[in-house]
Amino acid sequence: MKILIINQHTQNHGDEAACLALVRRLLAAGYSDITVSYNTPCCMEDIFFIHEAGVKQIKNNFYPRGVGRILRLYLRRPNLLTRLMAFSLRRIRADYQLIKSADVIINAPGGINMGRYRDNLYVWRLKTALDLGKHVIMYSSSIGPFDIEEYFVNISRDILQRVDFLSLRDMQSCRYAEEMGRQAVCSIDTAFLMRPAAELPPELQLPASYVVVVPNQLYIWHPQFRATKPEVLDNFYRKLLEKFTGHGISLVLLPQNFANPQLDDEKYFKSLSAGNPDIQVIPARYSSDIQQKIISGADFIVGARYHSIIFAINNEVPFYSLSYEHKMLNMLETLSLKDCCMPVSDLIASPDSAIDMIFEKYRNRASQLVSLKEASARANAMAVDTFDKMAQCLRDFQQ
């Protein structure tokens, strides 16, 4: 059975962790013919995702300008002319042939590309797989909201109703699917499938005691925060870092985005921590396995990135989440950890009180330990149960 994983995000260590966990479980289940196709080009081979031997990786090094606009035109008004326009693009022809050659298509776990991000290439791949009669699995992603263009909503609804297996990683996404006429397996993030074993490279020397902080330049990439003035978030992060180091606490900053000149976390984190000797910025080239190892040794985590909080729970480390999407809040509600979360909109409105609250959570971090242990075990059980249901679906395809 040839399995093709499509719509896999790259340049992000959180999406990397989910992909690695999924592929490792597929390999352990006996599936050896696995190909992963990435969404965006990445030329920095030394920090690309590291998979076990035999896993094929399709690194799309060509991404023509206008592909999204051409596909939007094709999806809105499918006819011979718009199809010819779409298939004149090398990227579209390559993706089409890749999908055509596979037996099973698994849509990689990820964010709301089918929803607020309105990713035309993302939904085109799924629609193409279904139109070619392939077995299609949507595996534990987020979707919605669908207050967007009608053509995109209609295509999304059609895809959700036609896929062979649908699991979604948060309750709000499950509600969106139900509103569109499809019941989903309500799961959790795929990174919870495993707690990777890794050793710190010898060149990484960490403090004896430290707190991990993961900021997020939301104003650059997130539709909801594009109107936010950069200095509002930047000043908040700087004050937050100073709050901890001012009390003699060493900080470690973990970049999530890499190989992206427009969203370079390592460069951004260095700008936030400039001149502060008590802050260490970990190079972005280290994998999500290494990041989870670093987090496992931390006293506390403050994360404005979804997977920084996943990593905290997975390793039973006390945390505080700065939530920018329903996927974060819903995940914490599912695990009975909602009191460890604040919407980013709240910290924008009242940054000083937000910093005081975060620091108080740090002081009282020991009170989280029991609930964290229970939450981590529950998250792993949910992720494993979803994988087992999907694996049964794969076995049914082979009969």
Protein backbone atom coordinates (compact mmCIF):
# COMPACT_ATOMS: atom_id res chain seq x y z
CA MET A 1 0.00 0.00 0.00
CA LYS A 2 1.43 3.34 -1.09
CA ILE A 3 0.64 6.01 1.50
CA LEU A 4 1.05 9.66 0.57
CA ILE A 5 0.89 12.33 3.28
CA ILE A 6 -0.09 15.66 1.72
CA ASN A 7 -0.33 19.23 2.99
CA GLN A 8 2.48 18.71 5.48
CA HIS A 9 3.66 22.06 6.78
CA THR A 10 7.36 22.67 7.11
CA GLN A 11 9.51 25.44 8.57
CA ASN A 12 7.81 24.85 11.93
CA HIS A 13 9.04 22.52 14.67
CA GLY A 14 5.51 21.99 16.01
CA ASP A 15 4.22 20.61 12.72
CA GLU A 16 7.45 18.63 12.51
CA ALA A 17 6.69 16.91 15.83
CA ALA A 18 3.19 15.90 14.70
CA CYS A 19 4.49 14.57 11.38
CA LEU A 20 7.29 12.59 13.03
CA ALA A 21 4.89 11.02 15.52
CA LEU A 22 2.43 10.01 12.79
CA VAL A 23 5.08 8.55 10.48
CA ARG A 24 6.78 6.67 13.31
CA ARG A 25 3.50 5.07 14.32
CA LEU A 26 2.72 4.13 10.71
CA LEU A 27 6.14 2.50 10.38
CA ALA A 28 5.63 0.64 13.67
CA ALA A 29 2.27 -0.60 12.35
CA GLY A 30 4.01 -2.18 9.36
CA TYR A 31 3.44 0.43 6.65
CA SER A 32 6.74 0.94 4.86
CA ASP A 33 5.86 2.70 1.60
CA ILE A 34 5.34 6.23 2.92
CA THR A 35 5.87 9.51 1.10
CA VAL A 36 5.58 12.94 2.72
CA SER A 37 4.87 15.92 0.48
CA TYR A 38 5.56 19.34 1.95
CA ASN A 39 3.58 22.51 1.34
CA THR A 40 6.35 25.02 0.96
CA PRO A 41 9.88 25.01 -0.44
CA CYS A 42 12.82 24.69 1.91
CA CYS A 43 16.40 24.74 0.69
CA MET A 44 18.11 24.33 4.08
CA GLU A 45 18.60 20.58 3.98
CA ASP A 46 20.51 20.39 7.26
CA ILE A 47 17.46 21.41 9.29
CA PHE A 48 14.76 19.63 7.35
CA PHE A 49 12.61 17.04 9.10
CA ILE A 50 14.52 13.88 9.96
CA HIS A 51 12.59 10.69 9.24
CA GLU A 52 13.56 7.06 9.58
CA ALA A 53 15.28 5.45 6.61
CA GLY A 54 12.98 4.60 3.74
CA VAL A 55 10.50 7.45 4.16
CA LYS A 56 10.40 9.43 0.93
CA GLN A 57 10.19 13.20 1.18
CA ILE A 58 8.99 15.47 -1.61
CA LYS A 59 10.50 18.90 -1.14
CA ASN A 60 8.74 21.29 -3.45
CA ASN A 61 11.49 23.61 -4.57
CA PHE A 62 9.27 25.38 -7.08
CA TYR A 63 6.39 27.55 -6.01
CA PRO A 64 5.34 29.81 -8.89
CA ARG A 65 3.88 33.21 -8.21
CA GLY A 66 0.14 33.35 -8.57
CA VAL A 67 -0.55 29.65 -7.99
CA GLY A 68 -3.03 30.47 -5.22
CA ARG A 69 -4.88 33.02 -7.34
CA ILE A 70 -5.06 30.67 -10.35
CA LEU A 71 -6.40 27.84 -8.19
CA ARG A 72 -8.89 30.19 -6.59
CA LEU A 73 -10.17 31.03 -10.07
CA TYR A 74 -10.30 27.34 -11.01
CA LEU A 75 -12.09 26.31 -7.81
CA ARG A 76 -14.61 29.12 -8.14
CA ARG A 77 -15.34 28.52 -11.83
CA PRO A 78 -14.13 25.09 -12.91
CA ASN A 79 -14.12 24.88 -16.70
CA LEU A 80 -11.74 23.90 -19.47
CA LEU A 81 -10.02 27.29 -19.57
CA THR A 82 -9.35 27.56 -15.83
CA ARG A 83 -8.25 23.92 -15.72
CA LEU A 84 -5.76 24.54 -18.52
CA MET A 85 -4.49 27.59 -16.63
CA ALA A 86 -4.01 25.55 -13.45
CA PHE A 87 -2.32 22.63 -15.17
CA SER A 88 0.03 24.92 -17.04
CA LEU A 89 1.84 25.24 -13.69
CA ARG A 90 4.57 22.70 -13.04
CA ARG A 91 3.71 22.60 -9.36
CA ILE A 92 0.10 21.57 -10.06
CA ARG A 93 1.12 18.87 -12.55
CA ALA A 94 3.65 17.44 -10.10
CA ASP A 95 1.18 17.34 -7.24
CA TYR A 96 -1.46 15.75 -9.47
CA GLN A 97 0.86 12.94 -10.59
CA LEU A 98 2.01 12.34 -7.02
CA ILE A 99 -1.58 11.99 -5.80
CA LYS A 100 -2.51 9.82 -8.77
CA SER A 101 0.30 7.34 -8.04
CA ALA A 102 -0.71 6.75 -4.39
CA ASP A 103 -3.21 4.28 -2.94
CA VAL A 104 -4.11 6.18 0.21
CA ILE A 105 -3.92 9.93 0.84
CA ILE A 106 -3.50 11.15 4.41
CA ASN A 107 -4.00 14.86 4.97
CA ALA A 108 -1.33 15.82 7.49
CA PRO A 109 -2.23 17.20 10.91
CA GLY A 110 -2.03 20.97 10.90
CA GLY A 111 -3.75 24.31 11.25
CA ILE A 112 -6.85 25.98 9.84
CA ASN A 113 -5.85 26.03 6.17
CA MET A 114 -9.35 24.75 5.53
CA GLY A 115 -10.91 27.74 7.20
CA ARG A 116 -9.59 31.17 8.14
CA TYR A 117 -6.33 30.78 6.17
CA ARG A 118 -8.30 30.01 2.94
CA ASP A 119 -5.54 27.86 1.44
CA ASN A 120 -6.66 27.09 -2.11
CA LEU A 121 -3.77 24.73 -2.87
CA TYR A 122 -4.51 22.79 0.31
CA VAL A 123 -8.15 22.13 -0.58
CA TRP A 124 -7.30 21.53 -4.25
CA ARG A 125 -5.07 18.61 -3.29
CA LEU A 126 -7.83 17.07 -1.19
CA LYS A 127 -10.47 17.60 -3.86
CA THR A 128 -8.16 16.13 -6.51
CA ALA A 129 -7.54 13.01 -4.43
CA LEU A 130 -11.27 12.50 -3.95
CA ASP A 131 -12.05 13.15 -7.61
CA LEU A 132 -9.43 10.53 -8.56
CA GLY A 133 -11.23 8.00 -6.39
CA LYS A 134 -8.47 7.67 -3.81
CA HIS A 135 -9.00 6.62 -0.22
CA VAL A 136 -8.64 9.89 1.69
CA ILE A 137 -8.02 10.39 5.39
CA MET A 138 -8.07 13.78 7.12
CA TYR A 139 -5.96 13.20 10.18
CA SER A 140 -6.36 15.33 13.30
CA SER A 141 -6.09 18.83 11.89
CA SER A 142 -8.07 21.94 12.79
CA ILE A 143 -10.65 23.55 10.52
CA GLY A 144 -12.75 26.71 10.40
CA PRO A 145 -14.11 29.20 11.02
CA PHE A 146 -16.11 29.33 7.79
CA ASP A 147 -17.13 33.00 7.70
CA ILE A 148 -15.31 33.20 4.36
CA GLU A 149 -16.02 33.10 0.63
CA GLU A 150 -18.91 30.86 -0.40
CA TYR A 151 -16.97 28.82 -2.98
CA PHE A 152 -14.38 27.89 -0.33
CA VAL A 153 -17.08 26.93 2.17
CA ASN A 154 -18.84 24.75 -0.42
CA ILE A 155 -15.65 22.94 -1.43
CA SER A 156 -14.71 22.41 2.22
CA ARG A 157 -18.15 20.99 2.95
CA ASP A 158 -17.87 18.63 -0.02
CA ILE A 159 -14.44 17.41 1.09
CA LEU A 160 -15.52 16.85 4.69
CA GLN A 161 -18.53 14.82 3.60
CA ARG A 162 -16.58 12.65 1.15
CA VAL A 163 -13.38 11.70 3.01
CA ASP A 164 -13.17 8.11 4.26
CA PHE A 165 -11.94 9.03 7.72
CA LEU A 166 -12.15 12.37 9.51
CA SER A 167 -10.51 13.18 12.81
CA LEU A 168 -10.11 16.72 14.13
CA ARG A 169 -7.89 17.85 16.96
CA ASP A 170 -10.21 20.21 18.87
CA MET A 171 -13.86 20.40 19.84
CA GLN A 172 -14.58 23.62 17.96
CA SER A 173 -13.35 22.05 14.73
CA CYS A 174 -15.62 19.07 15.41
CA ARG A 175 -18.53 21.48 15.83
CA TYR A 176 -17.68 23.16 12.52
CA ALA A 177 -17.68 19.75 10.82
CA GLU A 178 -21.02 18.84 12.39
CA GLU A 179 -22.51 22.10 11.11
CA MET A 180 -21.38 20.99 7.65
CA GLY A 181 -23.09 17.63 7.98
CA ARG A 182 -20.18 15.38 9.00
CA GLN A 183 -19.42 13.72 12.30
CA ALA A 184 -15.71 13.62 13.10
CA VAL A 185 -13.58 11.64 15.51
CA CYS A 186 -12.82 14.29 18.11
CA SER A 187 -9.16 13.79 18.86
CA ILE A 188 -6.17 15.80 20.00
CA ASP A 189 -2.85 16.86 18.55
CA THR A 190 -0.84 14.09 16.90
CA ALA A 191 2.35 15.03 18.75
CA PHE A 192 0.76 13.41 21.82
CA LEU A 193 1.19 10.01 20.14
CA MET A 194 4.66 9.71 21.62
CA ARG A 195 7.22 11.27 23.93
CA PRO A 196 10.40 11.12 21.85
CA ALA A 197 13.64 9.88 23.34
CA ALA A 198 16.52 12.25 22.60
CA GLU A 199 19.80 13.32 24.12
CA LEU A 200 20.99 16.90 24.22
CA PRO A 201 23.92 17.58 21.89
CA PRO A 202 27.08 18.20 23.96
CA GLU A 203 27.41 21.74 22.61
CA LEU A 204 24.06 22.71 24.19
CA GLN A 205 24.89 23.79 27.72
CA LEU A 206 21.74 24.75 29.64
CA PRO A 207 21.43 26.44 33.06
CA ALA A 208 20.86 24.21 36.07
CA SER A 209 17.39 25.76 36.43
CA TYR A 210 15.48 27.61 33.72
CA VAL A 211 12.13 28.72 32.32
CA VAL A 212 11.28 28.30 28.63
CA VAL A 213 9.55 31.17 26.82
CA VAL A 214 8.20 30.96 23.24
CA PRO A 215 6.99 34.30 21.81
CA ASN A 216 5.06 34.60 18.56
CA GLN A 217 5.08 37.38 15.93
CA LEU A 218 1.36 37.08 15.31
CA TYR A 219 1.14 40.47 13.60
CA ILE A 220 3.25 39.14 10.70
CA TRP A 221 1.30 36.04 9.75
CA HIS A 222 -2.02 35.64 11.55
CA PRO A 223 -5.10 37.23 9.88
CA GLN A 224 -6.68 38.09 13.22
CA PHE A 225 -3.67 40.11 14.44
CA ARG A 226 -2.46 41.90 11.32
CA ALA A 227 -3.90 45.17 12.64
CA THR A 228 -1.95 44.84 15.90
CA LYS A 229 0.96 47.24 16.13
CA PRO A 230 4.23 45.26 16.31
CA GLU A 231 5.53 47.25 19.27
CA VAL A 232 2.50 46.20 21.36
CA LEU A 233 3.45 42.51 21.31
CA ASP A 234 7.20 43.13 21.18
CA ASN A 235 7.10 45.33 24.28
CA PHE A 236 4.95 42.79 26.09
CA TYR A 237 7.47 40.02 25.43
CA ARG A 238 10.41 42.19 26.49
CA LYS A 239 8.70 43.12 29.76
CA LEU A 240 7.80 39.49 30.36
CA LEU A 241 11.41 38.38 29.87
CA GLU A 242 12.63 41.18 32.16
CA LYS A 243 10.11 40.13 34.83
CA PHE A 244 11.71 36.70 35.06
CA THR A 245 15.36 37.67 34.71
CA GLY A 246 14.83 40.53 37.15
CA HIS A 247 14.08 37.85 39.76
CA GLY A 248 17.27 35.96 38.93
CA ILE A 249 15.58 33.34 36.73
CA SER A 250 17.43 32.05 33.67
CA LEU A 251 15.42 31.87 30.47
CA VAL A 252 15.65 29.64 27.40
CA LEU A 253 13.91 30.75 24.19
CA LEU A 254 12.94 28.02 21.69
CA PRO A 255 12.39 29.10 18.06
CA GLN A 256 9.51 27.28 16.38
CA ASN A 257 9.74 28.73 12.88
CA PHE A 258 12.86 28.22 10.80
CA ALA A 259 14.14 28.64 7.23
CA ASN A 260 11.61 31.40 6.66
CA PRO A 261 13.09 34.85 6.00
CA GLN A 262 9.73 36.54 6.72
CA LEU A 263 9.23 34.74 10.02
CA ASP A 264 12.62 33.95 11.52
CA ASP A 265 12.04 33.12 15.18
CA GLU A 266 15.73 32.81 16.06
CA LYS A 267 16.48 36.30 14.76
CA TYR A 268 13.36 37.71 16.44
CA PHE A 269 14.11 36.08 19.79
CA LYS A 270 17.66 37.45 19.72
CA SER A 271 16.26 40.94 19.14
CA LEU A 272 13.93 40.54 22.14
CA SER A 273 16.72 39.29 24.42
CA ALA A 274 19.54 41.56 23.20
CA GLY A 275 21.86 42.60 26.02
CA ASN A 276 20.37 40.24 28.61
CA PRO A 277 22.98 37.64 29.67
CA ASP A 278 20.38 35.55 31.50
CA ILE A 279 18.58 34.61 28.27
CA GLN A 280 19.73 31.83 25.95
CA VAL A 281 18.24 31.50 22.46
CA ILE A 282 18.47 27.93 21.19
CA PRO A 283 19.48 27.71 17.49
CA ALA A 284 16.50 26.91 15.28
CA ARG A 285 18.34 24.04 13.57
CA TYR A 286 17.71 21.68 16.48
CA SER A 287 14.76 19.34 15.88
CA SER A 288 11.49 19.07 17.77
CA ASP A 289 12.87 15.97 19.51
CA ILE A 290 15.64 18.10 20.99
CA GLN A 291 13.16 20.86 21.84
CA GLN A 292 11.01 18.40 23.80
CA LYS A 293 14.12 17.25 25.64
CA ILE A 294 14.91 20.87 26.57
CA ILE A 295 11.34 21.43 27.72
CA SER A 296 11.38 18.25 29.81
CA GLY A 297 14.10 19.82 31.97
CA ALA A 298 12.42 23.20 32.42
CA ASP A 299 10.78 24.49 35.58
CA PHE A 300 8.01 26.26 33.68
CA ILE A 301 6.97 27.27 30.16
CA VAL A 302 5.27 30.39 28.81
CA GLY A 303 4.14 29.69 25.27
CA ALA A 304 2.46 31.80 22.61
CA ARG A 305 2.90 28.88 20.22
CA TYR A 306 0.46 25.98 20.15
CA HIS A 307 3.04 23.21 20.09
CA SER A 308 5.13 24.75 22.87
CA ILE A 309 2.14 23.97 25.09
CA ILE A 310 1.72 20.51 23.54
CA PHE A 311 5.37 19.83 24.38
CA ALA A 312 4.86 21.04 27.95
CA ILE A 313 1.87 18.77 28.58
CA ASN A 314 3.53 15.85 26.79
CA ASN A 315 6.48 16.16 29.20
CA GLU A 316 4.40 17.05 32.28
CA VAL A 317 6.00 20.48 32.73
CA PRO A 318 3.96 23.34 34.30
CA PHE A 319 3.04 26.04 31.78
CA TYR A 320 0.96 29.06 30.87
CA SER A 321 -0.55 29.36 27.40
CA LEU A 322 -1.05 32.58 25.46
CA SER A 323 -3.89 31.49 23.20
CA TYR A 324 -4.40 32.95 19.73
CA GLU A 325 -6.82 30.38 18.22
CA HIS A 326 -9.59 28.01 19.26
CA LYS A 327 -7.26 25.03 18.86
CA MET A 328 -5.34 26.08 21.98
CA LEU A 329 -8.26 26.92 24.23
CA ASN A 330 -10.25 23.85 23.16
CA MET A 331 -7.32 21.52 23.73
CA LEU A 332 -6.86 22.86 27.24
CA GLU A 333 -10.59 22.61 27.94
CA THR A 334 -10.53 18.98 26.82
CA LEU A 335 -7.69 18.25 29.26
CA SER A 336 -9.23 20.26 32.14
CA LEU A 337 -6.38 22.80 32.02
CA LYS A 338 -8.33 25.89 30.99
CA ASP A 339 -7.07 27.87 33.99
CA CYS A 340 -3.56 27.72 32.47
CA CYS A 341 -4.51 29.91 29.53
CA MET A 342 -5.05 33.55 28.57
CA PRO A 343 -6.27 34.90 25.22
CA VAL A 344 -3.68 37.04 23.44
CA SER A 345 -6.37 39.71 23.08
CA ASP A 346 -6.42 40.03 26.88
CA LEU A 347 -2.69 40.55 27.22
CA ILE A 348 -2.82 43.15 24.43
CA ALA A 349 -5.54 44.99 26.36
CA SER A 350 -3.79 44.81 29.72
CA PRO A 351 -0.12 43.76 29.40
CA ASP A 352 1.09 44.61 32.91
CA SER A 353 -1.64 42.64 34.70
CA ALA A 354 -1.09 39.76 32.26
CA ILE A 355 2.60 39.62 33.16
CA ASP A 356 1.78 39.66 36.88
CA MET A 357 -0.66 36.79 36.40
CA ILE A 358 1.87 34.73 34.40
CA PHE A 359 4.52 35.24 37.06
CA GLU A 360 2.09 34.23 39.78
CA LYS A 361 1.35 31.03 37.84
CA TYR A 362 5.09 30.40 37.74
CA ARG A 363 5.37 30.85 41.52
CA ASN A 364 2.51 28.38 42.05
CA ARG A 365 3.63 25.93 39.35
CA ALA A 366 3.78 22.96 41.70
CA SER A 367 -0.01 23.08 41.99
CA GLN A 368 -0.24 21.99 38.34
CA LEU A 369 1.72 18.77 38.67
CA VAL A 370 -1.10 16.36 39.54
CA SER A 371 -3.47 17.66 36.88
CA LEU A 372 -0.62 17.73 34.34
CA LYS A 373 0.17 14.08 34.88
CA GLU A 374 -3.48 13.16 34.36
CA ALA A 375 -3.77 15.44 31.32
CA SER A 376 -0.67 14.02 29.68
CA ALA A 377 -1.90 10.46 30.10
CA ARG A 378 -5.34 11.37 28.77
CA ALA A 379 -3.90 13.21 25.76
CA ASN A 380 -1.73 10.24 24.85
CA ALA A 381 -4.69 7.85 25.20
CA MET A 382 -6.82 10.05 22.92
CA ALA A 383 -4.07 10.28 20.30
CA VAL A 384 -3.45 6.52 20.37
CA ASP A 385 -7.18 5.75 20.14
CA THR A 386 -7.49 7.98 17.06
CA PHE A 387 -4.49 6.33 15.43
CA ASP A 388 -5.93 2.87 16.13
CA LYS A 389 -9.22 3.86 14.48
CA MET A 390 -7.36 5.21 11.47
CA ALA A 391 -5.22 2.06 11.30
CA GLN A 392 -8.38 -0.05 11.22
CA CYS A 393 -9.55 2.08 8.31
CA LEU A 394 -6.28 1.37 6.50
CA ARG A 395 -6.74 -2.35 7.07
CA ASP A 396 -10.27 -2.12 5.67
CA PHE A 397 -8.88 -0.49 2.52
CA GLN A 398 -6.65 -3.55 1.98
CA GLN A 399 -9.53 -6.05 2.09
